[in-house]
Amino acid sequence: MLEDRLMDDCWAAVKDHEAFQLTVPPLLEAAMTVDAARAAEVLDRIAGLFEVVPAAPAGQLALVVSVLVRRGASPEVATRALGHGLIEALTGADAFAGSWFEMFGPKVALPHPDGDQAIYQAAVEKLTKGRRFPRRPGLARADAVEVTNGWFTLGDWALAAEGLFEFKAARLAMPRRDWAAACTQAMSVLRRDVAILAAELAVLDDETLIVVHRTEPVAFEVRVSGVMENFQLYVLLADALPGFAPDPAWVAAAGTGDPDGSDRIEAAFQLSDRYGNYVPIEGRPGDIPAVDDRRLLVIDPPPFGRSWDLGRRHEAVVPEVVLERTLDAGEAAAWQAKAGPLLLTAERQPSHFHYSRQRGVVELTA
């Protein structure tokens, strides 16, 4: 079969950097048409290549892996194949930026990560020489090459990982995930091509939240996965908990249906955290603070109208909000006691708050 010949070409060229790079594009094209069984076979065959090829072509090969997962290959196997390569690219890119700023200061722009070979070579030379006035010693050439490879190859790794980490199983299999999430979050300030990856790595997966009513002796354990933003959390939580029954179109827009299937979504309640601070709809579940190893949410009636026209931004990531159990009265009271008093009051707020996705602004009604 075509893929067999192309894989043979890849393995035959592992010791020739330039030759290997030429073998990847046709394999990528072929991967786009395979069925699920064949996708799994191809992934098994090429997984070992990540251990023997240099960083730049490995990043391009990671794009093939991402396509194979979309075609039906195992997300866990894919993460095992390329997870450590992604870690190495992030480590190198982070060290590159740190060395660059230490040597040249924040006013000297970082080289564009999509630059050509001449820009790459110039970056290696600058890091090797360092800066004479004031004296900033350069890196050893091997170290300069290693970190520059990380900076210039991270774009391919990030693009491949974006597609892979749409799958919960892949995110759960990622090695050093907390470190990778923190690193990509910091890196996203410097380069936009890792922003989506940072959001995917920071998402909560199989995490239990405690949700309590402030004025009623009721509390719940809720398991959350893949919820990228609080726009989704507000709606899917209302759908999971008893007593709210949000519009099915809102649930579909926030869940796995058409994200534009509803023009206007209304908040069923206000959520605050353990400190009594309002949980912003434009925030992320991962930012909710924890107490006793659990993120705590408190439900209050909305002190003013709140609405938005956003179902979800990351359409391919499947969100899950599942009610695991209702806590007994003693547990509910114990968790309620951990919640601070509500800090947001209706007296100093508008009568209605609307987040407009198209206009990108918050609209307030007095």
Protein backbone atom coordinates (compact mmCIF):
# COMPACT_ATOMS: atom_id res chain seq x y z
CA MET A 1 0.00 0.00 0.00
CA LEU A 2 1.03 3.61 -0.50
CA GLU A 3 1.43 4.28 3.22
CA ASP A 4 3.77 1.27 3.57
CA ARG A 5 6.11 2.64 0.93
CA LEU A 6 6.01 6.11 2.45
CA MET A 7 6.75 4.75 5.92
CA ASP A 8 9.63 2.74 4.51
CA ASP A 9 10.97 5.96 3.00
CA CYS A 10 10.75 7.69 6.40
CA TRP A 11 12.64 4.95 8.21
CA ALA A 12 15.27 4.77 5.46
CA ALA A 13 15.95 8.52 5.76
CA VAL A 14 16.23 8.88 9.54
CA LYS A 15 19.96 9.64 9.40
CA ASP A 16 19.58 12.30 6.70
CA HIS A 17 17.82 15.40 8.07
CA GLU A 18 17.03 16.97 4.69
CA ALA A 19 15.96 13.70 3.10
CA PHE A 20 13.68 12.88 6.01
CA GLN A 21 11.93 16.24 5.76
CA LEU A 22 11.04 15.42 2.16
CA THR A 23 9.38 12.14 3.19
CA VAL A 24 6.92 13.72 5.64
CA PRO A 25 4.60 15.78 3.35
CA PRO A 26 3.50 12.83 1.18
CA LEU A 27 2.92 10.74 4.31
CA LEU A 28 0.82 13.56 5.76
CA GLU A 29 -1.27 13.68 2.58
CA ALA A 30 -1.78 9.92 2.60
CA ALA A 31 -2.75 9.93 6.29
CA MET A 32 -5.70 12.21 5.52
CA THR A 33 -7.53 9.42 3.66
CA VAL A 34 -6.91 6.27 5.75
CA ASP A 35 -9.64 4.51 7.72
CA ALA A 36 -9.52 3.99 11.49
CA ALA A 37 -7.89 0.55 11.38
CA ARG A 38 -5.23 1.69 8.97
CA ALA A 39 -4.65 4.89 10.96
CA ALA A 40 -3.83 2.78 14.02
CA GLU A 41 -1.39 0.64 11.99
CA VAL A 42 0.40 3.69 10.57
CA LEU A 43 0.68 5.27 14.02
CA ASP A 44 2.17 2.10 15.49
CA ARG A 45 4.68 1.98 12.64
CA ILE A 46 5.89 5.59 12.86
CA ALA A 47 5.73 6.08 16.65
CA GLY A 48 9.32 4.91 17.07
CA LEU A 49 10.58 7.56 14.66
CA PHE A 50 10.28 10.22 17.37
CA GLU A 51 13.13 8.56 19.23
CA VAL A 52 15.58 8.75 16.32
CA VAL A 53 14.89 11.90 14.26
CA PRO A 54 15.97 15.48 15.08
CA ALA A 55 13.62 18.08 16.54
CA ALA A 56 12.66 19.92 13.34
CA PRO A 57 11.47 16.95 11.26
CA ALA A 58 9.96 15.35 14.38
CA GLY A 59 7.74 18.41 14.76
CA GLN A 60 6.55 17.95 11.19
CA LEU A 61 5.97 14.25 11.81
CA ALA A 62 3.83 15.20 14.82
CA LEU A 63 1.37 16.77 12.38
CA VAL A 64 0.96 13.34 10.77
CA VAL A 65 0.18 11.84 14.19
CA SER A 66 -2.48 14.50 14.83
CA VAL A 67 -4.17 13.66 11.53
CA LEU A 68 -4.06 9.93 12.30
CA VAL A 69 -5.88 10.51 15.60
CA ARG A 70 -8.58 12.44 13.78
CA ARG A 71 -8.88 9.46 11.44
CA GLY A 72 -9.42 7.07 14.36
CA ALA A 73 -6.02 6.17 15.85
CA SER A 74 -5.60 6.00 19.62
CA PRO A 75 -5.12 9.39 21.33
CA GLU A 76 -3.23 7.73 24.19
CA VAL A 77 -0.77 6.03 21.82
CA ALA A 78 -0.30 9.32 19.98
CA THR A 79 0.46 11.19 23.20
CA ARG A 80 2.97 8.56 24.25
CA ALA A 81 4.64 8.96 20.86
CA LEU A 82 4.98 12.73 20.76
CA GLY A 83 4.44 13.95 24.35
CA HIS A 84 8.13 13.96 25.26
CA GLY A 85 9.01 15.69 21.99
CA LEU A 86 6.52 18.43 22.80
CA ILE A 87 8.07 18.77 26.27
CA GLU A 88 11.53 19.12 24.70
CA ALA A 89 10.31 21.77 22.25
CA LEU A 90 8.66 23.73 25.06
CA THR A 91 11.76 23.42 27.23
CA GLY A 92 13.99 24.63 24.40
CA ALA A 93 11.71 27.51 23.45
CA ASP A 94 11.42 28.62 27.06
CA ALA A 95 15.20 28.51 27.49
CA PHE A 96 15.68 30.36 24.20
CA ALA A 97 13.42 33.24 25.27
CA GLY A 98 15.03 33.39 28.71
CA SER A 99 18.57 33.47 27.27
CA TRP A 100 17.61 36.02 24.63
CA PHE A 101 16.15 38.46 27.14
CA GLU A 102 19.01 37.93 29.58
CA MET A 103 21.59 38.72 26.90
CA PHE A 104 19.87 41.43 24.88
CA GLY A 105 17.12 42.82 27.10
CA PRO A 106 13.40 43.17 26.44
CA LYS A 107 13.82 45.86 23.76
CA VAL A 108 15.49 43.50 21.29
CA ALA A 109 12.66 41.61 19.57
CA LEU A 110 12.70 37.85 19.56
CA PRO A 111 13.22 36.36 16.09
CA HIS A 112 10.03 35.38 14.33
CA PRO A 113 9.48 31.66 15.01
CA ASP A 114 8.38 31.07 11.41
CA GLY A 115 11.58 32.61 10.07
CA ASP A 116 13.70 31.02 7.36
CA GLN A 117 17.04 29.26 7.69
CA ALA A 118 18.95 32.53 7.58
CA ILE A 119 16.99 33.90 10.57
CA TYR A 120 17.54 30.61 12.41
CA GLN A 121 21.29 30.71 11.82
CA ALA A 122 21.47 34.36 12.85
CA ALA A 123 19.71 33.51 16.12
CA VAL A 124 22.20 30.73 16.85
CA GLU A 125 25.10 33.08 16.19
CA LYS A 126 23.70 35.81 18.43
CA LEU A 127 23.16 33.41 21.32
CA THR A 128 26.63 31.96 20.84
CA LYS A 129 28.39 35.33 20.83
CA GLY A 130 26.27 36.93 23.56
CA ARG A 131 26.61 40.65 24.12
CA ARG A 132 29.85 42.52 24.70
CA PHE A 133 28.54 45.75 26.31
CA PRO A 134 27.35 45.18 28.94
CA ARG A 135 29.04 41.82 29.09
CA ARG A 136 26.59 38.94 28.62
CA PRO A 137 28.42 35.64 27.92
CA GLY A 138 27.07 33.59 25.06
CA LEU A 139 25.95 29.96 25.20
CA ALA A 140 28.03 27.03 24.10
CA ARG A 141 27.22 26.39 20.47
CA ALA A 142 25.55 23.03 21.12
CA ASP A 143 23.32 24.64 23.74
CA ALA A 144 22.50 27.55 21.43
CA VAL A 145 21.49 25.13 18.67
CA GLU A 146 19.34 23.10 21.07
CA VAL A 147 17.33 26.01 22.44
CA THR A 148 17.02 27.66 19.01
CA ASN A 149 15.63 24.41 17.65
CA GLY A 150 13.01 24.54 20.40
CA TRP A 151 12.01 28.10 19.53
CA PHE A 152 11.77 27.47 15.78
CA THR A 153 10.10 24.04 15.90
CA LEU A 154 7.54 24.74 18.63
CA GLY A 155 5.01 26.01 16.09
CA ASP A 156 4.75 22.60 14.40
CA TRP A 157 4.54 20.81 17.75
CA ALA A 158 1.86 23.21 19.01
CA LEU A 159 -0.24 22.86 15.86
CA ALA A 160 -0.08 19.08 16.06
CA ALA A 161 -0.84 19.04 19.77
CA GLU A 162 -3.85 21.35 19.33
CA GLY A 163 -5.58 18.71 17.25
CA LEU A 164 -4.46 15.89 19.51
CA PHE A 165 -5.53 17.53 22.77
CA GLU A 166 -9.05 18.06 21.56
CA PHE A 167 -9.37 14.50 22.89
CA LYS A 168 -9.70 14.00 26.63
CA ALA A 169 -7.78 10.71 26.54
CA ALA A 170 -4.81 12.48 24.96
CA ARG A 171 -4.84 15.26 27.55
CA LEU A 172 -4.96 12.75 30.39
CA ALA A 173 -1.99 10.88 28.92
CA MET A 174 0.22 13.97 28.56
CA PRO A 175 3.42 13.69 30.64
CA ARG A 176 4.23 16.63 32.93
CA ARG A 177 0.94 18.20 31.97
CA ASP A 178 0.85 20.79 34.76
CA TRP A 179 4.31 22.01 33.80
CA ALA A 180 3.41 22.07 30.10
CA ALA A 181 0.23 24.04 30.86
CA ALA A 182 2.16 26.63 32.88
CA CYS A 183 4.90 26.86 30.26
CA THR A 184 2.52 27.32 27.33
CA GLN A 185 0.53 29.88 29.29
CA ALA A 186 3.68 31.94 29.87
CA MET A 187 4.82 31.36 26.28
CA SER A 188 1.49 32.57 24.88
CA VAL A 189 2.44 36.09 25.98
CA LEU A 190 5.39 35.92 23.58
CA ARG A 191 3.81 34.04 20.66
CA ARG A 192 0.20 33.56 19.64
CA ASP A 193 0.68 30.15 18.05
CA VAL A 194 0.62 28.39 21.44
CA ALA A 195 -2.49 30.12 22.84
CA ILE A 196 -4.96 27.36 21.92
CA LEU A 197 -2.62 24.67 23.17
CA ALA A 198 -2.25 26.55 26.46
CA ALA A 199 -6.04 26.67 26.86
CA GLU A 200 -6.39 22.94 26.12
CA LEU A 201 -3.69 21.91 28.58
CA ALA A 202 -5.19 24.12 31.30
CA VAL A 203 -8.68 22.61 30.99
CA LEU A 204 -9.97 20.54 33.91
CA ASP A 205 -10.38 16.82 33.21
CA ASP A 206 -12.17 14.38 35.53
CA GLU A 207 -12.03 16.95 38.30
CA THR A 208 -14.68 17.02 41.02
CA LEU A 209 -16.17 20.38 41.93
CA ILE A 210 -18.28 21.02 45.01
CA VAL A 211 -21.36 23.13 44.31
CA VAL A 212 -23.42 24.47 47.21
CA HIS A 213 -26.54 26.59 47.52
CA ARG A 214 -25.91 29.53 49.80
CA THR A 215 -29.44 29.73 51.22
CA GLU A 216 -30.49 26.07 51.04
CA PRO A 217 -28.97 23.03 52.82
CA VAL A 218 -28.07 21.41 49.50
CA ALA A 219 -24.71 20.60 47.92
CA PHE A 220 -23.46 18.45 45.04
CA GLU A 221 -20.37 16.75 43.70
CA VAL A 222 -20.01 17.47 39.99
CA ARG A 223 -17.39 15.95 37.70
CA VAL A 224 -16.08 18.28 35.00
CA SER A 225 -13.98 17.59 31.90
CA GLY A 226 -13.20 19.58 28.77
CA VAL A 227 -15.03 22.77 29.77
CA MET A 228 -12.85 25.47 28.25
CA GLU A 229 -14.67 28.56 29.53
CA ASN A 230 -17.15 29.64 32.15
CA PHE A 231 -19.62 30.53 29.39
CA GLN A 232 -20.04 26.78 29.04
CA LEU A 233 -19.82 26.01 32.74
CA TYR A 234 -22.77 28.23 33.67
CA VAL A 235 -25.03 26.53 31.14
CA LEU A 236 -23.89 22.93 31.54
CA LEU A 237 -23.96 23.19 35.32
CA ALA A 238 -27.54 24.46 35.16
CA ASP A 239 -28.36 21.48 32.95
CA ALA A 240 -26.72 18.98 35.32
CA LEU A 241 -28.21 20.25 38.58
CA PRO A 242 -31.85 19.80 39.60
CA GLY A 243 -34.23 22.74 39.51
CA PHE A 244 -32.98 24.85 36.60
CA ALA A 245 -33.76 23.21 33.20
CA PRO A 246 -32.06 25.65 30.79
CA ASP A 247 -33.22 25.97 27.21
CA PRO A 248 -32.03 22.89 25.23
CA ALA A 249 -30.64 25.19 22.54
CA TRP A 250 -28.39 26.81 25.13
CA VAL A 251 -27.18 23.42 26.32
CA ALA A 252 -26.45 22.33 22.75
CA ALA A 253 -24.53 25.54 22.03
CA ALA A 254 -22.42 25.13 25.17
CA GLY A 255 -22.02 21.37 24.73
CA THR A 256 -21.67 19.46 21.48
CA GLY A 257 -24.25 21.11 19.22
CA ASP A 258 -24.14 24.19 17.02
CA PRO A 259 -22.17 26.81 19.02
CA ASP A 260 -24.20 29.50 17.25
CA GLY A 261 -27.50 27.73 17.84
CA SER A 262 -28.75 30.37 20.27
CA ASP A 263 -28.62 34.14 19.88
CA ARG A 264 -28.88 34.87 23.57
CA ILE A 265 -28.15 32.74 26.62
CA GLU A 266 -29.42 33.82 30.03
CA ALA A 267 -27.74 32.97 33.32
CA ALA A 268 -29.89 30.87 35.65
CA PHE A 269 -27.86 31.83 38.73
CA GLN A 270 -24.80 33.63 39.93
CA LEU A 271 -21.71 31.64 40.81
CA SER A 272 -19.18 32.82 43.36
CA ASP A 273 -16.01 31.19 44.67
CA ARG A 274 -14.91 30.28 48.20
CA TYR A 275 -13.95 33.90 48.85
CA GLY A 276 -17.30 35.31 47.75
CA ASN A 277 -15.95 36.69 44.48
CA TYR A 278 -18.12 36.50 41.39
CA VAL A 279 -16.98 33.78 38.95
CA PRO A 280 -16.75 35.69 35.65
CA ILE A 281 -18.42 34.16 32.62
CA GLU A 282 -15.42 35.06 30.46
CA GLY A 283 -13.01 33.20 32.79
CA ARG A 284 -12.01 29.52 32.94
CA PRO A 285 -12.97 26.76 35.40
CA GLY A 286 -9.30 26.18 36.15
CA ASP A 287 -9.10 29.66 37.72
CA ILE A 288 -11.68 28.80 40.39
CA PRO A 289 -9.79 28.59 43.71
CA ALA A 290 -9.78 25.38 45.75
CA VAL A 291 -10.31 24.68 49.43
CA ASP A 292 -9.32 21.31 50.90
CA ASP A 293 -8.31 20.08 47.43
CA ARG A 294 -11.71 20.85 45.90
CA ARG A 295 -12.81 23.82 43.85
CA LEU A 296 -15.86 25.28 45.55
CA LEU A 297 -18.73 27.03 43.78
CA VAL A 298 -21.59 28.80 45.50
CA ILE A 299 -24.98 29.32 43.83
CA ASP A 300 -26.93 32.51 44.46
CA PRO A 301 -29.90 34.03 42.66
CA PRO A 302 -28.61 36.47 40.02
CA PRO A 303 -28.65 40.01 41.50
CA PHE A 304 -29.09 41.40 37.98
CA GLY A 305 -29.72 40.05 34.49
CA ARG A 306 -26.74 38.36 32.84
CA SER A 307 -26.64 37.09 29.27
CA TRP A 308 -24.24 36.35 26.43
CA ASP A 309 -24.30 35.29 22.81
CA LEU A 310 -21.46 32.79 23.06
CA GLY A 311 -21.96 29.03 23.23
CA ARG A 312 -18.31 27.98 23.08
CA ARG A 313 -15.18 29.03 21.24
CA HIS A 314 -13.41 25.65 21.07
CA GLU A 315 -15.91 23.64 19.08
CA ALA A 316 -13.98 20.36 18.84
CA VAL A 317 -13.25 19.91 22.57
CA VAL A 318 -16.06 17.83 24.08
CA PRO A 319 -17.23 19.21 27.46
CA GLU A 320 -18.64 17.05 30.25
CA VAL A 321 -20.47 18.22 33.38
CA VAL A 322 -21.87 15.24 35.28
CA LEU A 323 -23.73 15.25 38.60
CA GLU A 324 -22.00 12.50 40.60
CA ARG A 325 -24.02 12.69 43.81
CA THR A 326 -26.02 14.89 46.15
CA LEU A 327 -24.17 15.35 49.44
CA ASP A 328 -25.88 14.46 52.68
CA ALA A 329 -26.99 17.24 55.04
CA GLY A 330 -23.88 17.10 57.21
CA GLU A 331 -21.50 17.28 54.24
CA ALA A 332 -23.50 20.08 52.68
CA ALA A 333 -23.38 22.13 55.87
CA ALA A 334 -19.62 21.57 56.20
CA TRP A 335 -18.96 22.82 52.69
CA GLN A 336 -21.31 25.76 53.07
CA ALA A 337 -19.31 26.81 56.12
CA LYS A 338 -16.17 27.04 53.96
CA ALA A 339 -17.74 29.64 51.66
CA GLY A 340 -17.05 33.30 52.29
CA PRO A 341 -19.82 35.92 52.23
CA LEU A 342 -20.95 37.20 48.86
CA LEU A 343 -18.99 40.31 47.85
CA LEU A 344 -21.04 41.26 44.79
CA THR A 345 -24.31 43.03 45.53
CA ALA A 346 -27.14 44.25 43.32
CA GLU A 347 -27.05 47.77 44.75
CA ARG A 348 -23.84 48.69 42.93
CA GLN A 349 -24.44 46.79 39.71
CA PRO A 350 -26.32 47.47 36.45
CA SER A 351 -29.72 45.94 35.92
CA HIS A 352 -28.40 43.86 33.04
CA PHE A 353 -24.98 42.65 31.88
CA HIS A 354 -24.55 41.25 28.33
CA TYR A 355 -21.37 39.88 26.77
CA SER A 356 -21.37 40.40 23.00
CA ARG A 357 -19.07 38.04 21.13
CA GLN A 358 -19.36 39.83 17.77
CA ARG A 359 -18.64 43.23 19.24
CA GLY A 360 -16.17 41.83 21.74
CA VAL A 361 -17.49 44.07 24.49
CA VAL A 362 -19.61 43.99 27.60
CA GLU A 363 -22.87 45.89 27.29
CA LEU A 364 -24.38 47.30 30.48
CA THR A 365 -27.94 48.42 31.01
CA ALA A 366 -28.60 50.80 33.89
